[in-house]
């Protein structure tokens, strides 16, 4: 019986420390592995960098398209650009010209 009392007495002394250690471990685990933990933050930063790179590429592509469209405006019409665009739209070539078809990547 004295053995049980000794175990019970020691259990009462260490129970708060064990509970506190479990709580600290629980919160530490979720701070690293949780939905908003360190690993999730690293993944979000990678996703953000990829999205910014895509946005930069799209902005450059848009800028190039805007430059080409500006050449077709009536106030600054470029004859070469107009001829190139007319040939594309009308599917027209001259007799002495060779047509080379290039494969384009579809988005």
N, C-alpha and C. Protein backbone atom coordinates (compact mmCIF):
# COMPACT_ATOMS: atom_id res chain seq x y z
N UNK A 1 0.81 -1.18 0.00
CA UNK A 1 0.00 0.00 0.00
C UNK A 1 0.86 1.26 0.00
N UNK A 2 1.96 1.17 0.70
CA UNK A 2 2.85 2.34 0.74
C UNK A 2 3.44 2.63 -0.63
N UNK A 3 3.61 1.60 -1.40
CA UNK A 3 4.15 1.78 -2.75
C UNK A 3 3.18 2.58 -3.62
N UNK A 4 1.89 2.27 -3.48
CA UNK A 4 0.88 3.00 -4.24
C UNK A 4 0.80 4.46 -3.81
N UNK A 5 0.92 4.70 -2.53
CA UNK A 5 0.90 6.08 -2.04
C UNK A 5 2.11 6.86 -2.57
N UNK A 6 3.26 6.21 -2.62
CA UNK A 6 4.47 6.87 -3.11
C UNK A 6 4.34 7.21 -4.60
N UNK A 7 3.79 6.29 -5.36
CA UNK A 7 3.58 6.53 -6.79
C UNK A 7 2.57 7.67 -6.98
N UNK A 8 1.52 7.65 -6.22
CA UNK A 8 0.49 8.69 -6.30
C UNK A 8 1.07 10.06 -5.93
N UNK A 9 1.89 10.11 -4.88
CA UNK A 9 2.50 11.36 -4.42
C UNK A 9 3.46 11.90 -5.48
N UNK A 10 4.28 11.05 -6.07
CA UNK A 10 5.23 11.49 -7.10
C UNK A 10 4.51 11.89 -8.39
N UNK A 11 3.43 11.19 -8.69
CA UNK A 11 2.65 11.52 -9.89
C UNK A 11 2.04 12.91 -9.76
N UNK A 12 1.60 13.27 -8.58
CA UNK A 12 1.04 14.61 -8.36
C UNK A 12 2.11 15.69 -8.53
N UNK A 13 3.35 15.37 -8.17
CA UNK A 13 4.42 16.35 -8.29
C UNK A 13 4.85 16.56 -9.74
N UNK A 14 4.88 15.50 -10.54
CA UNK A 14 5.39 15.66 -11.90
C UNK A 14 4.28 15.85 -12.94
N UNK A 15 3.04 15.70 -12.58
CA UNK A 15 1.94 15.84 -13.53
C UNK A 15 1.91 17.22 -14.19
N UNK A 16 2.05 18.33 -13.45
CA UNK A 16 2.03 19.64 -14.12
C UNK A 16 3.17 19.81 -15.13
N UNK A 17 4.35 19.28 -14.80
CA UNK A 17 5.47 19.40 -15.74
C UNK A 17 5.22 18.58 -17.01
N UNK A 18 4.65 17.40 -16.84
CA UNK A 18 4.35 16.55 -18.00
C UNK A 18 3.30 17.21 -18.88
N UNK A 19 2.26 17.76 -18.25
CA UNK A 19 1.21 18.44 -19.02
C UNK A 19 1.78 19.66 -19.74
N UNK A 20 2.61 20.43 -19.05
CA UNK A 20 3.21 21.61 -19.66
C UNK A 20 4.12 21.21 -20.83
N UNK A 21 4.89 20.14 -20.66
CA UNK A 21 5.76 19.68 -21.75
C UNK A 21 4.93 19.22 -22.95
N UNK A 22 3.81 18.56 -22.69
CA UNK A 22 2.93 18.13 -23.79
C UNK A 22 2.35 19.33 -24.52
N UNK A 23 1.93 20.35 -23.78
CA UNK A 23 1.38 21.55 -24.41
C UNK A 23 2.44 22.28 -25.24
N UNK A 24 3.63 22.40 -24.69
CA UNK A 24 4.71 23.05 -25.44
C UNK A 24 5.03 22.26 -26.70
N UNK A 25 5.09 20.95 -26.59
CA UNK A 25 5.34 20.11 -27.77
C UNK A 25 4.25 20.24 -28.81
N UNK A 26 3.00 20.28 -28.38
CA UNK A 26 1.87 20.43 -29.29
C UNK A 26 1.96 21.74 -30.07
N UNK A 27 2.18 22.84 -29.36
CA UNK A 27 2.24 24.14 -30.03
C UNK A 27 3.49 24.27 -30.89
N UNK A 28 4.60 23.69 -30.46
CA UNK A 28 5.83 23.74 -31.26
C UNK A 28 5.64 22.96 -32.56
N UNK A 29 5.03 21.80 -32.47
CA UNK A 29 4.77 21.00 -33.67
C UNK A 29 3.91 21.78 -34.66
N UNK A 30 2.84 22.38 -34.19
CA UNK A 30 1.95 23.11 -35.09
C UNK A 30 2.56 24.41 -35.58
N UNK A 31 3.49 24.97 -34.85
CA UNK A 31 4.18 26.18 -35.32
C UNK A 31 5.08 25.85 -36.50
N UNK A 32 5.56 24.62 -36.58
CA UNK A 32 6.43 24.22 -37.68
C UNK A 32 5.63 23.53 -38.78
N UNK A 33 4.82 22.55 -38.44
CA UNK A 33 4.14 21.71 -39.42
C UNK A 33 2.71 22.12 -39.71
N UNK A 34 2.15 23.03 -38.97
CA UNK A 34 0.74 23.36 -39.09
C UNK A 34 0.37 24.05 -40.38
N UNK A 35 -0.92 24.31 -40.53
CA UNK A 35 -1.45 24.93 -41.74
C UNK A 35 -0.84 26.31 -41.98
N UNK A 36 -0.51 27.01 -40.94
CA UNK A 36 0.12 28.32 -41.05
C UNK A 36 1.51 28.32 -40.43
N UNK A 37 2.16 27.18 -40.44
CA UNK A 37 3.47 27.05 -39.83
C UNK A 37 4.60 27.47 -40.75
N UNK A 38 5.81 27.16 -40.34
CA UNK A 38 6.99 27.57 -41.08
C UNK A 38 7.07 26.89 -42.46
N UNK A 39 6.73 25.63 -42.53
CA UNK A 39 6.78 24.93 -43.82
C UNK A 39 5.76 25.51 -44.79
N UNK A 40 4.58 25.85 -44.30
CA UNK A 40 3.55 26.45 -45.15
C UNK A 40 4.01 27.82 -45.63
N UNK A 41 4.69 28.56 -44.79
CA UNK A 41 5.19 29.88 -45.18
C UNK A 41 6.23 29.77 -46.29
N UNK A 42 7.12 28.81 -46.17
CA UNK A 42 8.14 28.60 -47.21
C UNK A 42 7.47 28.24 -48.53
N UNK A 43 6.47 27.38 -48.49
CA UNK A 43 5.76 26.99 -49.71
C UNK A 43 5.02 28.19 -50.32
N UNK A 44 4.42 29.02 -49.47
CA UNK A 44 3.74 30.21 -49.97
C UNK A 44 4.71 31.18 -50.62
N UNK A 45 5.90 31.30 -50.07
CA UNK A 45 6.90 32.19 -50.66
C UNK A 45 7.35 31.66 -52.03
N UNK A 46 7.50 30.35 -52.17
CA UNK A 46 7.85 29.77 -53.46
C UNK A 46 6.74 30.02 -54.47
N UNK A 47 5.50 29.83 -54.05
CA UNK A 47 4.37 30.08 -54.94
C UNK A 47 4.31 31.55 -55.35
N UNK A 48 4.60 32.45 -54.42
CA UNK A 48 4.60 33.88 -54.72
C UNK A 48 5.68 34.22 -55.73
N UNK A 49 6.88 33.65 -55.56
CA UNK A 49 7.96 33.91 -56.51
C UNK A 49 7.60 33.41 -57.91
N UNK A 50 6.97 32.24 -58.00
CA UNK A 50 6.55 31.73 -59.30
C UNK A 50 5.49 32.63 -59.92
N UNK A 51 4.54 33.08 -59.12
CA UNK A 51 3.49 33.96 -59.64
C UNK A 51 4.07 35.29 -60.11
N UNK A 52 5.04 35.81 -59.37
CA UNK A 52 5.67 37.07 -59.78
C UNK A 52 6.45 36.89 -61.08
N UNK A 53 7.12 35.76 -61.25
CA UNK A 53 7.84 35.49 -62.49
C UNK A 53 6.88 35.40 -63.67
N UNK A 54 5.75 34.74 -63.47
CA UNK A 54 4.74 34.64 -64.53
C UNK A 54 4.19 36.02 -64.84
N UNK A 55 3.92 36.81 -63.81
CA UNK A 55 3.40 38.17 -64.01
C UNK A 55 4.40 39.02 -64.78
N UNK A 56 5.68 38.87 -64.48
CA UNK A 56 6.72 39.62 -65.19
C UNK A 56 6.77 39.22 -66.66
N UNK A 57 6.69 37.91 -66.94
CA UNK A 57 6.70 37.44 -68.32
C UNK A 57 5.48 37.95 -69.08
N UNK A 58 4.32 37.91 -68.44
CA UNK A 58 3.11 38.39 -69.09
C UNK A 58 3.15 39.89 -69.33
N UNK A 59 3.74 40.64 -68.41
CA UNK A 59 3.86 42.08 -68.60
C UNK A 59 4.78 42.39 -69.78
N UNK A 60 5.87 41.63 -69.92
CA UNK A 60 6.77 41.83 -71.05
C UNK A 60 6.07 41.49 -72.36
N UNK A 61 5.30 40.41 -72.36
CA UNK A 61 4.56 40.02 -73.56
C UNK A 61 3.52 41.09 -73.91
N UNK A 62 2.84 41.60 -72.91
CA UNK A 62 1.85 42.65 -73.14
C UNK A 62 2.51 43.90 -73.70
N UNK A 63 3.65 44.25 -73.15
CA UNK A 63 4.37 45.44 -73.63
C UNK A 63 4.76 45.28 -75.10
N UNK A 64 5.21 44.09 -75.46
CA UNK A 64 5.58 43.83 -76.86
C UNK A 64 4.36 43.94 -77.77
N UNK A 65 3.23 43.41 -77.31
CA UNK A 65 2.00 43.50 -78.10
C UNK A 65 1.53 44.95 -78.24
N UNK A 66 1.63 45.70 -77.17
CA UNK A 66 1.23 47.10 -77.22
C UNK A 66 2.10 47.89 -78.20
N UNK A 67 3.39 47.57 -78.25
CA UNK A 67 4.27 48.23 -79.22
C UNK A 67 3.85 47.92 -80.65
N UNK A 68 3.51 46.65 -80.90
CA UNK A 68 3.09 46.27 -82.25
C UNK A 68 1.77 46.92 -82.62
N UNK A 69 0.85 47.01 -81.67
CA UNK A 69 -0.44 47.66 -81.93
C UNK A 69 -0.23 49.14 -82.18
N UNK A 70 0.68 49.76 -81.45
CA UNK A 70 0.95 51.19 -81.64
C UNK A 70 1.45 51.47 -83.06
N UNK A 71 2.15 50.52 -83.66
CA UNK A 71 2.63 50.70 -85.04
C UNK A 71 1.49 50.65 -86.05
N UNK A 72 0.35 50.08 -85.67
CA UNK A 72 -0.79 49.99 -86.58
C UNK A 72 -1.79 51.14 -86.41
N UNK A 73 -1.57 52.02 -85.48
CA UNK A 73 -2.48 53.15 -85.28
C UNK A 73 -2.38 54.11 -86.46
N UNK A 74 -3.48 54.75 -86.82
CA UNK A 74 -3.48 55.63 -88.00
C UNK A 74 -2.51 56.81 -87.89
N UNK A 75 -2.29 57.35 -86.70
CA UNK A 75 -1.40 58.50 -86.58
C UNK A 75 0.07 58.13 -86.73
N UNK A 76 0.44 56.88 -86.52
CA UNK A 76 1.83 56.45 -86.68
C UNK A 76 1.86 55.10 -87.40
N UNK A 77 1.34 55.07 -88.60
CA UNK A 77 1.22 53.82 -89.35
C UNK A 77 2.55 53.45 -89.98
N UNK A 78 3.01 52.25 -89.72
CA UNK A 78 4.24 51.73 -90.30
C UNK A 78 3.86 50.87 -91.51
N UNK A 79 4.30 51.23 -92.70
CA UNK A 79 3.91 50.47 -93.90
C UNK A 79 4.31 49.00 -93.84
N UNK A 80 5.48 48.71 -93.31
CA UNK A 80 5.92 47.32 -93.23
C UNK A 80 5.02 46.51 -92.31
N UNK A 81 4.65 47.09 -91.18
CA UNK A 81 3.77 46.41 -90.25
C UNK A 81 2.39 46.21 -90.86
N UNK A 82 1.91 47.21 -91.58
CA UNK A 82 0.60 47.10 -92.22
C UNK A 82 0.62 45.99 -93.27
N UNK A 83 1.69 45.93 -94.07
CA UNK A 83 1.79 44.88 -95.09
C UNK A 83 1.87 43.50 -94.44
N UNK A 84 2.66 43.38 -93.39
CA UNK A 84 2.78 42.09 -92.70
C UNK A 84 1.43 41.64 -92.14
N UNK A 85 0.71 42.55 -91.53
CA UNK A 85 -0.58 42.20 -90.94
C UNK A 85 -1.61 41.87 -92.02
N UNK A 86 -1.59 42.62 -93.13
CA UNK A 86 -2.52 42.35 -94.22
C UNK A 86 -2.25 40.97 -94.83
N UNK A 87 -1.00 40.61 -94.98
CA UNK A 87 -0.65 39.29 -95.51
C UNK A 87 -1.14 38.18 -94.58
N UNK A 88 -1.02 38.39 -93.27
CA UNK A 88 -1.48 37.38 -92.33
C UNK A 88 -3.00 37.23 -92.38
N UNK A 89 -3.69 38.34 -92.40
CA UNK A 89 -5.15 38.29 -92.37
C UNK A 89 -5.71 37.75 -93.68
N UNK A 90 -5.16 38.20 -94.80
CA UNK A 90 -5.67 37.80 -96.11
C UNK A 90 -5.07 36.50 -96.61
N UNK A 91 -4.03 36.01 -95.91
CA UNK A 91 -3.35 34.79 -96.33
C UNK A 91 -2.83 34.94 -97.76
N UNK A 92 -2.09 36.03 -97.98
CA UNK A 92 -1.64 36.42 -99.31
C UNK A 92 -0.11 36.39 -99.38
N UNK A 93 0.42 35.88 -100.50
CA UNK A 93 1.86 35.93 -100.77
C UNK A 93 2.06 36.28 -102.23
N UNK A 94 3.23 36.73 -102.54
CA UNK A 94 3.58 36.99 -103.93
C UNK A 94 4.10 35.72 -104.57
N UNK A 95 4.24 35.75 -105.90
CA UNK A 95 4.65 34.55 -106.64
C UNK A 95 6.06 34.10 -106.28
N UNK A 96 6.96 35.04 -106.08
CA UNK A 96 8.36 34.70 -105.86
C UNK A 96 8.73 34.55 -104.38
N UNK A 97 7.77 34.47 -103.49
CA UNK A 97 8.04 34.35 -102.07
C UNK A 97 7.90 32.91 -101.60
N UNK A 98 8.70 32.55 -100.63
CA UNK A 98 8.61 31.22 -100.01
C UNK A 98 7.99 31.38 -98.62
N UNK A 99 7.10 30.49 -98.28
CA UNK A 99 6.43 30.54 -96.98
C UNK A 99 7.00 29.44 -96.10
N UNK A 100 7.40 29.80 -94.90
CA UNK A 100 7.94 28.85 -93.94
C UNK A 100 6.99 28.83 -92.74
N UNK A 101 6.41 27.68 -92.48
CA UNK A 101 5.49 27.55 -91.35
C UNK A 101 6.27 27.09 -90.12
N UNK A 102 6.09 27.83 -89.04
CA UNK A 102 6.75 27.49 -87.80
C UNK A 102 5.70 27.01 -86.81
N UNK A 103 6.08 26.00 -86.02
CA UNK A 103 5.17 25.52 -84.99
C UNK A 103 5.16 26.52 -83.84
N UNK A 104 3.97 26.86 -83.40
CA UNK A 104 3.85 27.78 -82.27
C UNK A 104 3.28 27.01 -81.09
N UNK A 105 3.70 27.42 -79.92
CA UNK A 105 3.22 26.79 -78.70
C UNK A 105 1.87 27.37 -78.36
N UNK A 106 0.91 26.50 -78.10
CA UNK A 106 -0.41 27.00 -77.69
C UNK A 106 -0.43 27.13 -76.18
N UNK A 107 -1.10 28.20 -75.67
CA UNK A 107 -1.10 28.43 -74.21
C UNK A 107 -1.87 27.40 -73.45
